C-alpha atoms as a PDB file:
ATOM      1  CA  UNK A   1      -3.664 -57.613 -32.401  1.00  0.00           C
ATOM      2  CA  UNK A   2      -6.302 -54.926 -31.964  1.00  0.00           C
ATOM      3  CA  UNK A   3      -8.425 -54.070 -28.970  1.00  0.00           C
ATOM      4  CA  UNK A   4     -12.062 -53.298 -29.778  1.00  0.00           C
ATOM      5  CA  UNK A   5     -14.024 -51.083 -27.392  1.00  0.00           C
ATOM      6  CA  UNK A   6     -17.480 -49.624 -27.478  1.00  0.00           C
ATOM      7  CA  UNK A   7     -17.810 -45.881 -27.720  1.00  0.00           C
ATOM      8  CA  UNK A   8     -19.449 -45.815 -24.286  1.00  0.00           C
ATOM      9  CA  UNK A   9     -16.480 -47.657 -22.761  1.00  0.00           C
ATOM     10  CA  UNK A  10     -13.975 -45.247 -24.296  1.00  0.00           C
ATOM     11  CA  UNK A  11     -15.970 -42.177 -23.219  1.00  0.00           C
ATOM     12  CA  UNK A  12     -16.488 -43.218 -19.575  1.00  0.00           C
ATOM     13  CA  UNK A  13     -12.891 -44.431 -19.328  1.00  0.00           C
ATOM     14  CA  UNK A  14     -11.501 -41.131 -20.593  1.00  0.00           C
ATOM     15  CA  UNK A  15     -13.893 -39.151 -18.355  1.00  0.00           C
ATOM     16  CA  UNK A  16     -12.839 -41.288 -15.381  1.00  0.00           C
ATOM     17  CA  UNK A  17      -9.168 -40.727 -16.181  1.00  0.00           C
ATOM     18  CA  UNK A  18      -9.671 -36.969 -16.536  1.00  0.00           C
ATOM     19  CA  UNK A  19     -11.549 -36.759 -13.225  1.00  0.00           C
ATOM     20  CA  UNK A  20      -9.014 -38.884 -11.341  1.00  0.00           C
ATOM     21  CA  UNK A  21      -6.156 -36.936 -12.929  1.00  0.00           C
ATOM     22  CA  UNK A  22      -7.777 -33.623 -12.022  1.00  0.00           C
ATOM     23  CA  UNK A  23      -8.269 -34.813  -8.448  1.00  0.00           C
ATOM     24  CA  UNK A  24      -4.627 -35.935  -8.254  1.00  0.00           C
ATOM     25  CA  UNK A  25      -3.404 -32.635  -9.689  1.00  0.00           C
ATOM     26  CA  UNK A  26      -5.469 -30.681  -7.173  1.00  0.00           C
ATOM     27  CA  UNK A  27      -3.651 -32.513  -4.373  1.00  0.00           C
ATOM     28  CA  UNK A  28      -0.204 -32.054  -5.946  1.00  0.00           C
ATOM     29  CA  UNK A  29      -0.811 -28.367  -6.665  1.00  0.00           C
ATOM     30  CA  UNK A  30      -2.147 -27.699  -3.157  1.00  0.00           C
ATOM     31  CA  UNK A  31      -5.650 -26.611  -4.155  1.00  0.00           C
ATOM     32  CA  UNK A  32      -7.472 -25.367  -1.076  1.00  0.00           C
ATOM     33  CA  UNK A  33     -10.780 -26.921  -2.198  1.00  0.00           C
ATOM     34  CA  UNK A  34      -9.092 -30.333  -1.939  1.00  0.00           C
ATOM     35  CA  UNK A  35      -6.660 -29.966   0.952  1.00  0.00           C
ATOM     36  CA  UNK A  36      -8.941 -28.177   3.424  1.00  0.00           C
ATOM     37  CA  UNK A  37     -11.552 -30.958   3.321  1.00  0.00           C
ATOM     38  CA  UNK A  38      -8.811 -33.576   3.747  1.00  0.00           C
ATOM     39  CA  UNK A  39      -7.722 -31.764   6.904  1.00  0.00           C
ATOM     40  CA  UNK A  40     -11.335 -31.373   8.036  1.00  0.00           C
ATOM     41  CA  UNK A  41     -11.942 -35.114   7.567  1.00  0.00           C
ATOM     42  CA  UNK A  42      -8.907 -35.917   9.708  1.00  0.00           C
ATOM     43  CA  UNK A  43      -6.785 -37.419   6.933  1.00  0.00           C
ATOM     44  CA  UNK A  44      -3.147 -37.260   8.122  1.00  0.00           C
ATOM     45  CA  UNK A  45      -1.093 -34.780   6.095  1.00  0.00           C
ATOM     46  CA  UNK A  46       1.717 -37.279   5.339  1.00  0.00           C
ATOM     47  CA  UNK A  47      -0.846 -39.397   3.453  1.00  0.00           C
ATOM     48  CA  UNK A  48      -1.840 -36.627   1.037  1.00  0.00           C
ATOM     49  CA  UNK A  49       0.947 -37.126  -1.543  1.00  0.00           C
ATOM     50  CA  UNK A  50       0.304 -40.876  -1.521  1.00  0.00           C
ATOM     51  CA  UNK A  51      -3.394 -40.334  -2.073  1.00  0.00           C
ATOM     52  CA  UNK A  52      -2.621 -38.023  -4.990  1.00  0.00           C
ATOM     53  CA  UNK A  53      -0.208 -40.615  -6.397  1.00  0.00           C
ATOM     54  CA  UNK A  54      -2.867 -43.330  -6.137  1.00  0.00           C
ATOM     55  CA  UNK A  55      -5.328 -41.202  -8.090  1.00  0.00           C
ATOM     56  CA  UNK A  56      -2.689 -40.319 -10.700  1.00  0.00           C
ATOM     57  CA  UNK A  57      -1.789 -43.994 -11.104  1.00  0.00           C
ATOM     58  CA  UNK A  58      -5.470 -44.843 -11.477  1.00  0.00           C
ATOM     59  CA  UNK A  59      -5.898 -42.194 -14.160  1.00  0.00           C
ATOM     60  CA  UNK A  60      -2.867 -43.454 -16.083  1.00  0.00           C
ATOM     61  CA  UNK A  61      -4.043 -47.030 -15.665  1.00  0.00           C
ATOM     62  CA  UNK A  62      -7.481 -46.263 -17.071  1.00  0.00           C
ATOM     63  CA  UNK A  63      -5.904 -44.751 -20.176  1.00  0.00           C
ATOM     64  CA  UNK A  64      -3.424 -47.619 -20.510  1.00  0.00           C
ATOM     65  CA  UNK A  65      -6.382 -49.976 -20.249  1.00  0.00           C
ATOM     66  CA  UNK A  66      -7.619 -48.744 -23.601  1.00  0.00           C
ATOM     67  CA  UNK A  67      -4.634 -50.648 -25.044  1.00  0.00           C
ATOM     68  CA  UNK A  68      -4.021 -53.315 -22.374  1.00  0.00           C
ATOM     69  CA  UNK A  69      -7.450 -54.273 -21.025  1.00  0.00           C
ATOM     70  CA  UNK A  70      -6.287 -55.993 -17.838  1.00  0.00           C
ATOM     71  CA  UNK A  71      -4.519 -52.791 -16.757  1.00  0.00           C
ATOM     72  CA  UNK A  72      -7.747 -50.831 -17.219  1.00  0.00           C
ATOM     73  CA  UNK A  73      -9.724 -53.342 -15.174  1.00  0.00           C
ATOM     74  CA  UNK A  74      -7.171 -53.201 -12.358  1.00  0.00           C
ATOM     75  CA  UNK A  75      -7.054 -49.384 -12.453  1.00  0.00           C
ATOM     76  CA  UNK A  76     -10.844 -49.068 -12.449  1.00  0.00           C
ATOM     77  CA  UNK A  77     -11.078 -51.518  -9.552  1.00  0.00           C
ATOM     78  CA  UNK A  78      -8.455 -49.549  -7.633  1.00  0.00           C
ATOM     79  CA  UNK A  79     -10.215 -46.240  -8.235  1.00  0.00           C
ATOM     80  CA  UNK A  80     -13.604 -47.634  -7.214  1.00  0.00           C
ATOM     81  CA  UNK A  81     -12.047 -48.949  -3.981  1.00  0.00           C
ATOM     82  CA  UNK A  82     -10.189 -45.657  -3.444  1.00  0.00           C
ATOM     83  CA  UNK A  83     -13.322 -43.550  -3.785  1.00  0.00           C
ATOM     84  CA  UNK A  84     -15.339 -46.012  -1.685  1.00  0.00           C
ATOM     85  CA  UNK A  85     -12.746 -45.438   1.034  1.00  0.00           C
ATOM     86  CA  UNK A  86     -13.042 -41.692   0.491  1.00  0.00           C
ATOM     87  CA  UNK A  87     -16.809 -41.965   0.901  1.00  0.00           C
ATOM     88  CA  UNK A  88     -16.369 -43.855   4.177  1.00  0.00           C
ATOM     89  CA  UNK A  89     -13.891 -41.207   5.342  1.00  0.00           C
ATOM     90  CA  UNK A  90     -16.392 -38.421   4.598  1.00  0.00           C
ATOM     91  CA  UNK A  91     -19.173 -40.319   6.383  1.00  0.00           C
ATOM     92  CA  UNK A  92     -16.989 -40.982   9.433  1.00  0.00           C
ATOM     93  CA  UNK A  93     -16.156 -37.273   9.574  1.00  0.00           C
ATOM     94  CA  UNK A  94     -19.922 -36.577   9.471  1.00  0.00           C
ATOM     95  CA  UNK A  95     -19.651 -34.246   6.464  1.00  0.00           C
ATOM     96  CA  UNK A  96     -22.743 -35.717   4.875  1.00  0.00           C
ATOM     97  CA  UNK A  97     -23.123 -32.883   2.378  1.00  0.00           C
ATOM     98  CA  UNK A  98     -19.748 -33.890   0.886  1.00  0.00           C
ATOM     99  CA  UNK A  99     -20.687 -37.530   0.193  1.00  0.00           C
ATOM    100  CA  UNK A 100     -21.642 -36.877  -3.464  1.00  0.00           C
ATOM    101  CA  UNK A 101     -18.117 -35.755  -4.354  1.00  0.00           C
ATOM    102  CA  UNK A 102     -16.240 -39.065  -4.037  1.00  0.00           C
ATOM    103  CA  UNK A 103     -19.243 -40.830  -5.565  1.00  0.00           C
ATOM    104  CA  UNK A 104     -19.058 -38.503  -8.567  1.00  0.00           C
ATOM    105  CA  UNK A 105     -15.402 -39.411  -9.082  1.00  0.00           C
ATOM    106  CA  UNK A 106     -16.098 -43.135  -8.584  1.00  0.00           C
ATOM    107  CA  UNK A 107     -18.993 -43.304 -11.062  1.00  0.00           C
ATOM    108  CA  UNK A 108     -17.043 -43.268 -14.353  1.00  0.00           C
ATOM    109  CA  UNK A 109     -14.445 -45.694 -12.977  1.00  0.00           C
ATOM    110  CA  UNK A 110     -17.276 -48.044 -11.958  1.00  0.00           C
ATOM    111  CA  UNK A 111     -18.918 -47.634 -15.377  1.00  0.00           C
ATOM    112  CA  UNK A 112     -15.611 -48.355 -17.077  1.00  0.00           C
ATOM    113  CA  UNK A 113     -15.257 -51.509 -15.017  1.00  0.00           C
ATOM    114  CA  UNK A 114     -18.762 -52.685 -15.896  1.00  0.00           C
ATOM    115  CA  UNK A 115     -18.356 -51.880 -19.588  1.00  0.00           C
ATOM    116  CA  UNK A 116     -14.994 -53.664 -19.728  1.00  0.00           C
ATOM    117  CA  UNK A 117     -16.922 -56.912 -19.475  1.00  0.00           C
END
């Protein structure tokens, strides 16, 4: 059995996986540009590894979805919800200039979800 995908679907899915994976790696590696804002937004430090794990799982799920479509749909849905929550967190912290960042990461996951159907 083969899985047929459009080129657009494959491209946005891979871009979404790369972005989510990069974001997860920046948490795991302790990148200041990721961890300082988390602290500034009031995200509890014990949550950070779990947030990184969620993004890593989403990235892996997007890639797996190229072969098992339901996994990709679930991963894209999870990432869209994750980054929607991140956007709310940024807004609640009143760091309005940072709102584009979670939206940028959510965009390819949302596009992947739309193109999956």
